[in-house]
Amino acid sequence: MNTEIKIPLNKIKILLLTLGSFLFVAGVCFMPMNFIGIIAIIFFGATGVYGLIKLFDTKSGLKIDSIGITDNTNASSVGLIKWEDIFQIRSEEIATEKFIMIDLIDPNKYVENVQNIFKKRLMKTNMKMYGTPISITSNTLKYNFTELEGVLNPEFKRYKKG
């Protein structure tokens, strides 16, 4: 039986994150400018713009089917991650934020296929810090972390057997 699970993006969460980014940028603009202030404006400005783009994104945040996981949750999302390329799925907590880490048999296959320089840099940083270029967050999804874990782990076991 071939099932497809689609987890939608949570537009309210995305809107709140976007507003927070722009408020942070506005707040920093009223402070004396230094290098860190400029970096903060660039970073939070970029996350705010990305949030605006995601608000109008009509694709599912995450799709799980017999082929693999199609990730559209964050700025470093690569799209389709095939089951056959996944070694394991694990959970990681980073600064009180929980992530699903997708450990790949050949991580460079995914990193090298990315054309966007910013996305490639994010993936390489993830690889150095966490041992995998691919992480999935529930921050932008209508599922919380526990629900996301509860769907992904059984599906991984199901499709890795077959």
N, C-alpha and C. Protein backbone atom coordinates (compact mmCIF):
# COMPACT_ATOMS: atom_id res chain seq x y z
N MET A 1 0.83 -1.18 0.00
CA MET A 1 0.00 0.00 0.00
C MET A 1 0.88 1.25 0.00
N ASN A 2 0.67 2.13 -0.94
CA ASN A 2 1.47 3.33 -1.08
C ASN A 2 0.69 4.51 -0.50
N THR A 3 1.14 5.01 0.63
CA THR A 3 0.49 6.16 1.25
C THR A 3 1.38 7.38 1.12
N GLU A 4 0.74 8.51 1.22
CA GLU A 4 1.46 9.78 1.17
C GLU A 4 0.99 10.62 2.35
N ILE A 5 1.93 11.10 3.13
CA ILE A 5 1.61 11.95 4.27
C ILE A 5 2.12 13.35 3.93
N LYS A 6 1.22 14.31 4.00
CA LYS A 6 1.62 15.70 3.76
C LYS A 6 1.40 16.49 5.05
N ILE A 7 2.45 17.15 5.48
CA ILE A 7 2.38 17.99 6.67
C ILE A 7 2.48 19.44 6.20
N PRO A 8 1.42 20.22 6.39
CA PRO A 8 1.43 21.59 5.89
C PRO A 8 2.31 22.53 6.72
N LEU A 9 2.71 23.62 6.07
CA LEU A 9 3.40 24.69 6.77
C LEU A 9 2.41 25.39 7.69
N ASN A 10 2.89 25.83 8.83
CA ASN A 10 2.06 26.57 9.78
C ASN A 10 2.27 28.06 9.53
N LYS A 11 1.35 28.66 8.83
CA LYS A 11 1.49 30.07 8.43
C LYS A 11 1.49 31.02 9.62
N ILE A 12 0.81 30.65 10.70
CA ILE A 12 0.80 31.52 11.89
C ILE A 12 2.19 31.54 12.53
N LYS A 13 2.81 30.37 12.69
CA LYS A 13 4.18 30.31 13.23
C LYS A 13 5.13 31.10 12.34
N ILE A 14 5.00 30.92 11.04
CA ILE A 14 5.89 31.61 10.10
C ILE A 14 5.69 33.12 10.19
N LEU A 15 4.44 33.55 10.28
CA LEU A 15 4.15 34.98 10.41
C LEU A 15 4.79 35.55 11.68
N LEU A 16 4.65 34.84 12.80
CA LEU A 16 5.22 35.30 14.07
C LEU A 16 6.75 35.36 14.00
N LEU A 17 7.36 34.34 13.41
CA LEU A 17 8.82 34.34 13.26
C LEU A 17 9.28 35.49 12.35
N THR A 18 8.52 35.75 11.30
CA THR A 18 8.85 36.83 10.36
C THR A 18 8.73 38.19 11.04
N LEU A 19 7.63 38.39 11.76
CA LEU A 19 7.45 39.65 12.48
C LEU A 19 8.55 39.85 13.52
N GLY A 20 8.91 38.77 14.22
CA GLY A 20 9.99 38.85 15.20
C GLY A 20 11.31 39.26 14.55
N SER A 21 11.59 38.71 13.37
CA SER A 21 12.82 39.07 12.65
C SER A 21 12.84 40.55 12.30
N PHE A 22 11.72 41.04 11.76
CA PHE A 22 11.67 42.45 11.36
C PHE A 22 11.69 43.39 12.56
N LEU A 23 11.06 42.99 13.65
CA LEU A 23 11.11 43.81 14.87
C LEU A 23 12.54 43.86 15.42
N PHE A 24 13.23 42.75 15.36
CA PHE A 24 14.61 42.72 15.81
C PHE A 24 15.47 43.64 14.95
N VAL A 25 15.29 43.59 13.64
CA VAL A 25 16.03 44.47 12.73
C VAL A 25 15.73 45.94 13.07
N ALA A 26 14.47 46.25 13.27
CA ALA A 26 14.08 47.63 13.61
C ALA A 26 14.73 48.07 14.92
N GLY A 27 14.74 47.17 15.90
CA GLY A 27 15.36 47.49 17.19
C GLY A 27 16.85 47.74 17.06
N VAL A 28 17.54 46.93 16.30
CA VAL A 28 18.98 47.08 16.11
C VAL A 28 19.30 48.38 15.37
N CYS A 29 18.42 48.78 14.46
CA CYS A 29 18.64 50.02 13.69
C CYS A 29 18.67 51.26 14.59
N PHE A 30 18.03 51.18 15.75
CA PHE A 30 18.01 52.32 16.66
C PHE A 30 19.16 52.31 17.67
N MET A 31 20.05 51.33 17.54
CA MET A 31 21.20 51.24 18.42
C MET A 31 22.43 51.78 17.70
N PRO A 32 23.46 52.17 18.45
CA PRO A 32 24.70 52.57 17.79
C PRO A 32 25.22 51.41 16.94
N MET A 33 25.59 51.69 15.72
CA MET A 33 25.96 50.65 14.76
C MET A 33 27.39 50.20 14.99
N ASN A 34 27.58 48.89 15.01
CA ASN A 34 28.90 48.27 15.05
C ASN A 34 28.84 47.01 14.18
N PHE A 35 29.93 46.28 14.14
CA PHE A 35 29.99 45.09 13.27
C PHE A 35 28.90 44.08 13.62
N ILE A 36 28.71 43.84 14.89
CA ILE A 36 27.70 42.85 15.31
C ILE A 36 26.30 43.33 14.94
N GLY A 37 26.05 44.61 15.07
CA GLY A 37 24.75 45.16 14.68
C GLY A 37 24.48 44.97 13.19
N ILE A 38 25.50 45.17 12.39
CA ILE A 38 25.36 45.00 10.93
C ILE A 38 25.07 43.53 10.61
N ILE A 39 25.83 42.63 11.26
CA ILE A 39 25.60 41.19 11.05
C ILE A 39 24.19 40.81 11.47
N ALA A 40 23.72 41.34 12.60
CA ALA A 40 22.37 41.05 13.08
C ALA A 40 21.32 41.54 12.09
N ILE A 41 21.51 42.72 11.55
CA ILE A 41 20.56 43.26 10.56
C ILE A 41 20.53 42.38 9.31
N ILE A 42 21.71 41.98 8.84
CA ILE A 42 21.76 41.13 7.65
C ILE A 42 21.08 39.79 7.93
N PHE A 43 21.44 39.15 9.05
CA PHE A 43 20.89 37.83 9.37
C PHE A 43 19.37 37.89 9.57
N PHE A 44 18.92 38.77 10.46
CA PHE A 44 17.49 38.80 10.76
C PHE A 44 16.68 39.41 9.61
N GLY A 45 17.31 40.30 8.84
CA GLY A 45 16.65 40.80 7.63
C GLY A 45 16.44 39.68 6.63
N ALA A 46 17.47 38.84 6.46
CA ALA A 46 17.35 37.70 5.54
C ALA A 46 16.31 36.70 6.03
N THR A 47 16.28 36.43 7.33
CA THR A 47 15.27 35.49 7.84
C THR A 47 13.87 36.08 7.70
N GLY A 48 13.75 37.37 7.84
CA GLY A 48 12.45 38.02 7.65
C GLY A 48 11.97 37.92 6.21
N VAL A 49 12.87 38.16 5.27
CA VAL A 49 12.53 38.05 3.84
C VAL A 49 12.18 36.60 3.51
N TYR A 50 12.97 35.65 4.04
CA TYR A 50 12.68 34.24 3.82
C TYR A 50 11.29 33.88 4.39
N GLY A 51 10.98 34.43 5.56
CA GLY A 51 9.67 34.20 6.16
C GLY A 51 8.54 34.72 5.28
N LEU A 52 8.74 35.89 4.70
CA LEU A 52 7.72 36.44 3.78
C LEU A 52 7.50 35.51 2.59
N ILE A 53 8.59 34.99 2.07
CA ILE A 53 8.48 34.06 0.94
C ILE A 53 7.71 32.81 1.36
N LYS A 54 8.03 32.28 2.55
CA LYS A 54 7.36 31.06 3.03
C LYS A 54 5.87 31.29 3.29
N LEU A 55 5.50 32.50 3.65
CA LEU A 55 4.08 32.80 3.89
C LEU A 55 3.25 32.56 2.64
N PHE A 56 3.85 32.74 1.49
CA PHE A 56 3.12 32.58 0.23
C PHE A 56 3.45 31.26 -0.47
N ASP A 57 4.20 30.40 0.20
CA ASP A 57 4.56 29.09 -0.33
C ASP A 57 3.35 28.16 -0.24
N THR A 58 2.95 27.58 -1.35
CA THR A 58 1.77 26.70 -1.36
C THR A 58 2.14 25.22 -1.24
N LYS A 59 3.43 24.88 -1.26
CA LYS A 59 3.85 23.49 -1.13
C LYS A 59 3.72 23.03 0.32
N SER A 60 3.60 21.72 0.50
CA SER A 60 3.60 21.15 1.85
C SER A 60 4.95 21.41 2.50
N GLY A 61 4.94 21.51 3.81
CA GLY A 61 6.20 21.66 4.52
C GLY A 61 7.03 20.39 4.45
N LEU A 62 6.33 19.26 4.54
CA LEU A 62 6.98 17.96 4.50
C LEU A 62 6.04 16.97 3.84
N LYS A 63 6.59 16.17 2.95
CA LYS A 63 5.82 15.10 2.31
C LYS A 63 6.59 13.81 2.50
N ILE A 64 5.88 12.79 2.95
CA ILE A 64 6.50 11.49 3.19
C ILE A 64 5.74 10.47 2.36
N ASP A 65 6.48 9.75 1.51
CA ASP A 65 5.85 8.72 0.68
C ASP A 65 6.82 7.57 0.46
N SER A 66 6.50 6.67 -0.44
CA SER A 66 7.32 5.47 -0.65
C SER A 66 8.69 5.79 -1.25
N ILE A 67 8.85 6.97 -1.84
CA ILE A 67 10.13 7.35 -2.44
C ILE A 67 11.08 7.94 -1.40
N GLY A 68 10.51 8.75 -0.49
CA GLY A 68 11.34 9.38 0.53
C GLY A 68 10.62 10.52 1.22
N ILE A 69 11.41 11.44 1.72
CA ILE A 69 10.93 12.62 2.44
C ILE A 69 11.21 13.83 1.56
N THR A 70 10.17 14.60 1.27
CA THR A 70 10.37 15.85 0.54
C THR A 70 10.28 16.97 1.55
N ASP A 71 11.42 17.61 1.79
CA ASP A 71 11.57 18.62 2.84
C ASP A 71 11.46 20.02 2.26
N ASN A 72 10.56 20.81 2.83
CA ASN A 72 10.38 22.21 2.45
C ASN A 72 10.19 23.03 3.72
N THR A 73 10.94 22.67 4.80
CA THR A 73 10.70 23.28 6.11
C THR A 73 11.58 24.48 6.42
N ASN A 74 12.77 24.56 5.81
CA ASN A 74 13.68 25.64 6.21
C ASN A 74 14.58 26.06 5.05
N ALA A 75 15.45 27.01 5.33
CA ALA A 75 16.30 27.60 4.29
C ALA A 75 17.29 26.62 3.69
N SER A 76 17.64 25.57 4.43
CA SER A 76 18.60 24.61 3.88
C SER A 76 17.92 23.35 3.36
N SER A 77 16.62 23.38 3.19
CA SER A 77 15.89 22.22 2.68
C SER A 77 16.35 21.88 1.27
N VAL A 78 16.48 20.57 1.00
CA VAL A 78 16.97 20.12 -0.31
C VAL A 78 15.88 19.51 -1.17
N GLY A 79 14.66 19.44 -0.68
CA GLY A 79 13.60 18.78 -1.44
C GLY A 79 13.58 17.31 -1.12
N LEU A 80 13.59 16.47 -2.16
CA LEU A 80 13.47 15.02 -1.98
C LEU A 80 14.74 14.40 -1.40
N ILE A 81 14.55 13.66 -0.32
CA ILE A 81 15.61 12.86 0.29
C ILE A 81 15.13 11.42 0.17
N LYS A 82 15.77 10.64 -0.67
CA LYS A 82 15.31 9.27 -0.93
C LYS A 82 15.62 8.35 0.24
N TRP A 83 14.68 7.44 0.52
CA TRP A 83 14.88 6.45 1.59
C TRP A 83 16.18 5.70 1.40
N GLU A 84 16.48 5.36 0.17
CA GLU A 84 17.69 4.57 -0.12
C GLU A 84 18.97 5.30 0.24
N ASP A 85 18.91 6.63 0.36
CA ASP A 85 20.08 7.44 0.70
C ASP A 85 20.22 7.68 2.20
N ILE A 86 19.19 7.31 2.97
CA ILE A 86 19.17 7.59 4.40
C ILE A 86 19.76 6.42 5.18
N PHE A 87 20.74 6.73 6.02
CA PHE A 87 21.36 5.74 6.89
C PHE A 87 20.56 5.59 8.18
N GLN A 88 20.22 6.72 8.80
CA GLN A 88 19.41 6.72 10.01
C GLN A 88 18.75 8.07 10.22
N ILE A 89 17.73 8.06 11.06
CA ILE A 89 17.05 9.29 11.46
C ILE A 89 17.20 9.38 12.97
N ARG A 90 17.65 10.55 13.45
CA ARG A 90 17.86 10.73 14.88
C ARG A 90 17.39 12.11 15.31
N SER A 91 17.19 12.26 16.60
CA SER A 91 16.77 13.55 17.16
C SER A 91 17.97 14.21 17.83
N GLU A 92 18.00 15.52 17.76
CA GLU A 92 19.09 16.29 18.36
C GLU A 92 18.50 17.55 18.96
N GLU A 93 18.99 17.93 20.12
CA GLU A 93 18.55 19.19 20.73
C GLU A 93 19.72 20.15 20.70
N ILE A 94 19.48 21.31 20.11
CA ILE A 94 20.50 22.33 19.96
C ILE A 94 19.95 23.62 20.55
N ALA A 95 20.56 24.07 21.65
CA ALA A 95 20.12 25.28 22.33
C ALA A 95 18.60 25.27 22.58
N THR A 96 18.12 24.23 23.18
CA THR A 96 16.70 24.01 23.54
C THR A 96 15.77 23.82 22.34
N GLU A 97 16.30 23.79 21.16
CA GLU A 97 15.49 23.55 19.96
C GLU A 97 15.75 22.13 19.47
N LYS A 98 14.67 21.39 19.19
CA LYS A 98 14.81 20.01 18.74
C LYS A 98 14.74 19.93 17.22
N PHE A 99 15.60 19.07 16.67
CA PHE A 99 15.68 18.85 15.23
C PHE A 99 15.67 17.36 14.93
N ILE A 100 15.17 17.01 13.76
CA ILE A 100 15.32 15.67 13.22
C ILE A 100 16.54 15.73 12.32
N MET A 101 17.54 14.91 12.60
CA MET A 101 18.74 14.85 11.78
C MET A 101 18.63 13.65 10.86
N ILE A 102 18.85 13.89 9.58
CA ILE A 102 18.80 12.84 8.58
C ILE A 102 20.24 12.47 8.22
N ASP A 103 20.71 11.34 8.73
CA ASP A 103 22.06 10.87 8.42
C ASP A 103 22.03 10.14 7.08
N LEU A 104 22.89 10.57 6.18
CA LEU A 104 22.91 10.05 4.81
C LEU A 104 24.08 9.11 4.58
N ILE A 105 23.89 8.16 3.71
CA ILE A 105 24.95 7.24 3.32
C ILE A 105 26.07 8.03 2.63
N ASP A 106 25.71 8.94 1.73
CA ASP A 106 26.68 9.78 1.03
C ASP A 106 26.22 11.24 1.11
N PRO A 107 26.56 11.93 2.21
CA PRO A 107 26.10 13.31 2.39
C PRO A 107 26.54 14.27 1.29
N ASN A 108 27.74 14.04 0.74
CA ASN A 108 28.26 14.93 -0.30
C ASN A 108 27.40 14.92 -1.55
N LYS A 109 26.71 13.83 -1.80
CA LYS A 109 25.80 13.74 -2.95
C LYS A 109 24.75 14.85 -2.88
N TYR A 110 24.24 15.11 -1.69
CA TYR A 110 23.22 16.15 -1.52
C TYR A 110 23.83 17.54 -1.47
N VAL A 111 24.96 17.68 -0.80
CA VAL A 111 25.61 18.99 -0.70
C VAL A 111 26.04 19.47 -2.08
N GLU A 112 26.65 18.60 -2.85
CA GLU A 112 27.18 19.00 -4.16
C GLU A 112 26.09 19.27 -5.20
N ASN A 113 24.91 18.72 -5.00
CA ASN A 113 23.80 18.97 -5.94
C ASN A 113 23.11 20.31 -5.72
N VAL A 114 23.43 20.98 -4.63
CA VAL A 114 22.81 22.27 -4.32
C VAL A 114 23.53 23.38 -5.08
N GLN A 115 22.79 24.18 -5.82
CA GLN A 115 23.37 25.26 -6.61
C GLN A 115 23.46 26.58 -5.83
N ASN A 116 22.52 26.79 -4.92
CA ASN A 116 22.48 28.02 -4.13
C ASN A 116 23.66 28.06 -3.16
N ILE A 117 24.50 29.07 -3.28
CA ILE A 117 25.72 29.17 -2.47
C ILE A 117 25.39 29.30 -0.98
N PHE A 118 24.37 30.07 -0.64
CA PHE A 118 23.95 30.26 0.75
C PHE A 118 23.49 28.93 1.34
N LYS A 119 22.66 28.21 0.62
CA LYS A 119 22.14 26.92 1.07
C LYS A 119 23.28 25.90 1.22
N LYS A 120 24.20 25.91 0.26
CA LYS A 120 25.34 24.98 0.32
C LYS A 120 26.19 25.27 1.55
N ARG A 121 26.39 26.54 1.86
CA ARG A 121 27.17 26.94 3.04
C ARG A 121 26.48 26.46 4.32
N LEU A 122 25.16 26.63 4.39
CA LEU A 122 24.40 26.15 5.55
C LEU A 122 24.55 24.64 5.71
N MET A 123 24.46 23.92 4.61
CA MET A 123 24.56 22.46 4.65
C MET A 123 25.96 22.01 5.09
N LYS A 124 26.99 22.68 4.60
CA LYS A 124 28.36 22.33 5.00
C LYS A 124 28.59 22.62 6.48
N THR A 125 28.02 23.72 6.96
CA THR A 125 28.13 24.04 8.39
C THR A 125 27.41 22.99 9.23
N ASN A 126 26.21 22.59 8.81
CA ASN A 126 25.48 21.53 9.51
C ASN A 126 26.31 20.24 9.52
N MET A 127 26.94 19.93 8.41
CA MET A 127 27.75 18.72 8.30
C MET A 127 28.89 18.74 9.31
N LYS A 128 29.58 19.87 9.42
CA LYS A 128 30.70 19.98 10.36
C LYS A 128 30.23 19.90 11.81
N MET A 129 29.13 20.56 12.10
CA MET A 129 28.66 20.63 13.49
C MET A 129 27.89 19.40 13.96
N TYR A 130 27.10 18.80 13.06
CA TYR A 130 26.18 17.74 13.50
C TYR A 130 26.35 16.42 12.76
N GLY A 131 27.29 16.36 11.83
CA GLY A 131 27.57 15.12 11.13
C GLY A 131 26.63 14.82 9.97
N THR A 132 25.73 15.74 9.67
CA THR A 132 24.82 15.58 8.54
C THR A 132 24.44 16.95 7.99
N PRO A 133 24.26 17.07 6.68
CA PRO A 133 23.87 18.35 6.11
C PRO A 133 22.37 18.62 6.21
N ILE A 134 21.59 17.61 6.59
CA ILE A 134 20.13 17.75 6.54
C ILE A 134 19.50 17.66 7.93
N SER A 135 18.81 18.72 8.29
CA SER A 135 18.05 18.74 9.54
C SER A 135 16.64 19.25 9.23
N ILE A 136 15.69 18.71 9.95
CA ILE A 136 14.29 19.10 9.77
C ILE A 136 13.78 19.64 11.09
N THR A 137 13.16 20.79 11.03
CA THR A 137 12.59 21.41 12.22
C THR A 137 11.06 21.40 12.12
N SER A 138 10.42 21.39 13.28
CA SER A 138 8.96 21.46 13.27
C SER A 138 8.50 22.91 13.44
N ASN A 139 9.44 23.84 13.55
CA ASN A 139 9.10 25.26 13.77
C ASN A 139 8.14 25.83 12.74
N THR A 140 8.26 25.39 11.51
CA THR A 140 7.41 25.95 10.46
C THR A 140 6.28 25.02 10.05
N LEU A 141 6.11 23.92 10.79
CA LEU A 141 5.09 22.93 10.45
C LEU A 141 3.88 23.00 11.38
N LYS A 142 2.78 22.44 10.93
CA LYS A 142 1.58 22.35 11.77
C LYS A 142 1.69 21.22 12.79
N TYR A 143 2.75 20.45 12.74
CA TYR A 143 3.01 19.40 13.72
C TYR A 143 4.03 19.91 14.73
N ASN A 144 3.90 19.46 15.98
CA ASN A 144 4.97 19.76 16.93
C ASN A 144 6.06 18.70 16.77
N PHE A 145 7.14 18.83 17.51
CA PHE A 145 8.27 17.94 17.33
C PHE A 145 7.91 16.48 17.62
N THR A 146 7.17 16.23 18.68
CA THR A 146 6.80 14.87 19.05
C THR A 146 5.94 14.22 17.97
N GLU A 147 5.00 14.97 17.41
CA GLU A 147 4.16 14.45 16.32
C GLU A 147 5.01 14.15 15.09
N LEU A 148 5.94 15.04 14.78
CA LEU A 148 6.81 14.86 13.62
C LEU A 148 7.66 13.59 13.79
N GLU A 149 8.25 13.44 14.95
CA GLU A 149 9.04 12.25 15.25
C GLU A 149 8.17 10.98 15.15
N GLY A 150 6.94 11.09 15.66
CA GLY A 150 6.02 9.96 15.65
C GLY A 150 5.58 9.52 14.27
N VAL A 151 5.70 10.39 13.29
CA VAL A 151 5.38 10.05 11.90
C VAL A 151 6.63 9.59 11.16
N LEU A 152 7.72 10.32 11.30
CA LEU A 152 8.92 10.02 10.52
C LEU A 152 9.57 8.68 10.87
N ASN A 153 9.73 8.40 12.14
CA ASN A 153 10.42 7.16 12.53
C ASN A 153 9.74 5.89 12.03
N PRO A 154 8.42 5.73 12.21
CA PRO A 154 7.78 4.51 11.69
C PRO A 154 7.83 4.42 10.15
N GLU A 155 7.72 5.55 9.48
CA GLU A 155 7.78 5.55 8.01
C GLU A 155 9.17 5.16 7.53
N PHE A 156 10.19 5.64 8.21
CA PHE A 156 11.57 5.26 7.87
C PHE A 156 11.74 3.75 8.02
N LYS A 157 11.30 3.20 9.15
CA LYS A 157 11.41 1.75 9.36
C LYS A 157 10.62 0.98 8.31
N ARG A 158 9.46 1.46 8.00
CA ARG A 158 8.59 0.80 7.01
C ARG A 158 9.24 0.74 5.63
N TYR A 159 9.75 1.86 5.15
CA TYR A 159 10.29 1.91 3.80
C TYR A 159 11.72 1.39 3.68
N LYS A 160 12.49 1.42 4.75
CA LYS A 160 13.84 0.88 4.70
C LYS A 160 13.83 -0.64 4.64
N LYS A 161 12.77 -1.26 5.16
CA LYS A 161 12.63 -2.72 5.09
C LYS A 161 12.29 -3.15 3.67
N GLY A 162 11.37 -2.40 3.04
CA GLY A 162 10.86 -2.78 1.73
C GLY A 162 11.77 -2.41 0.64
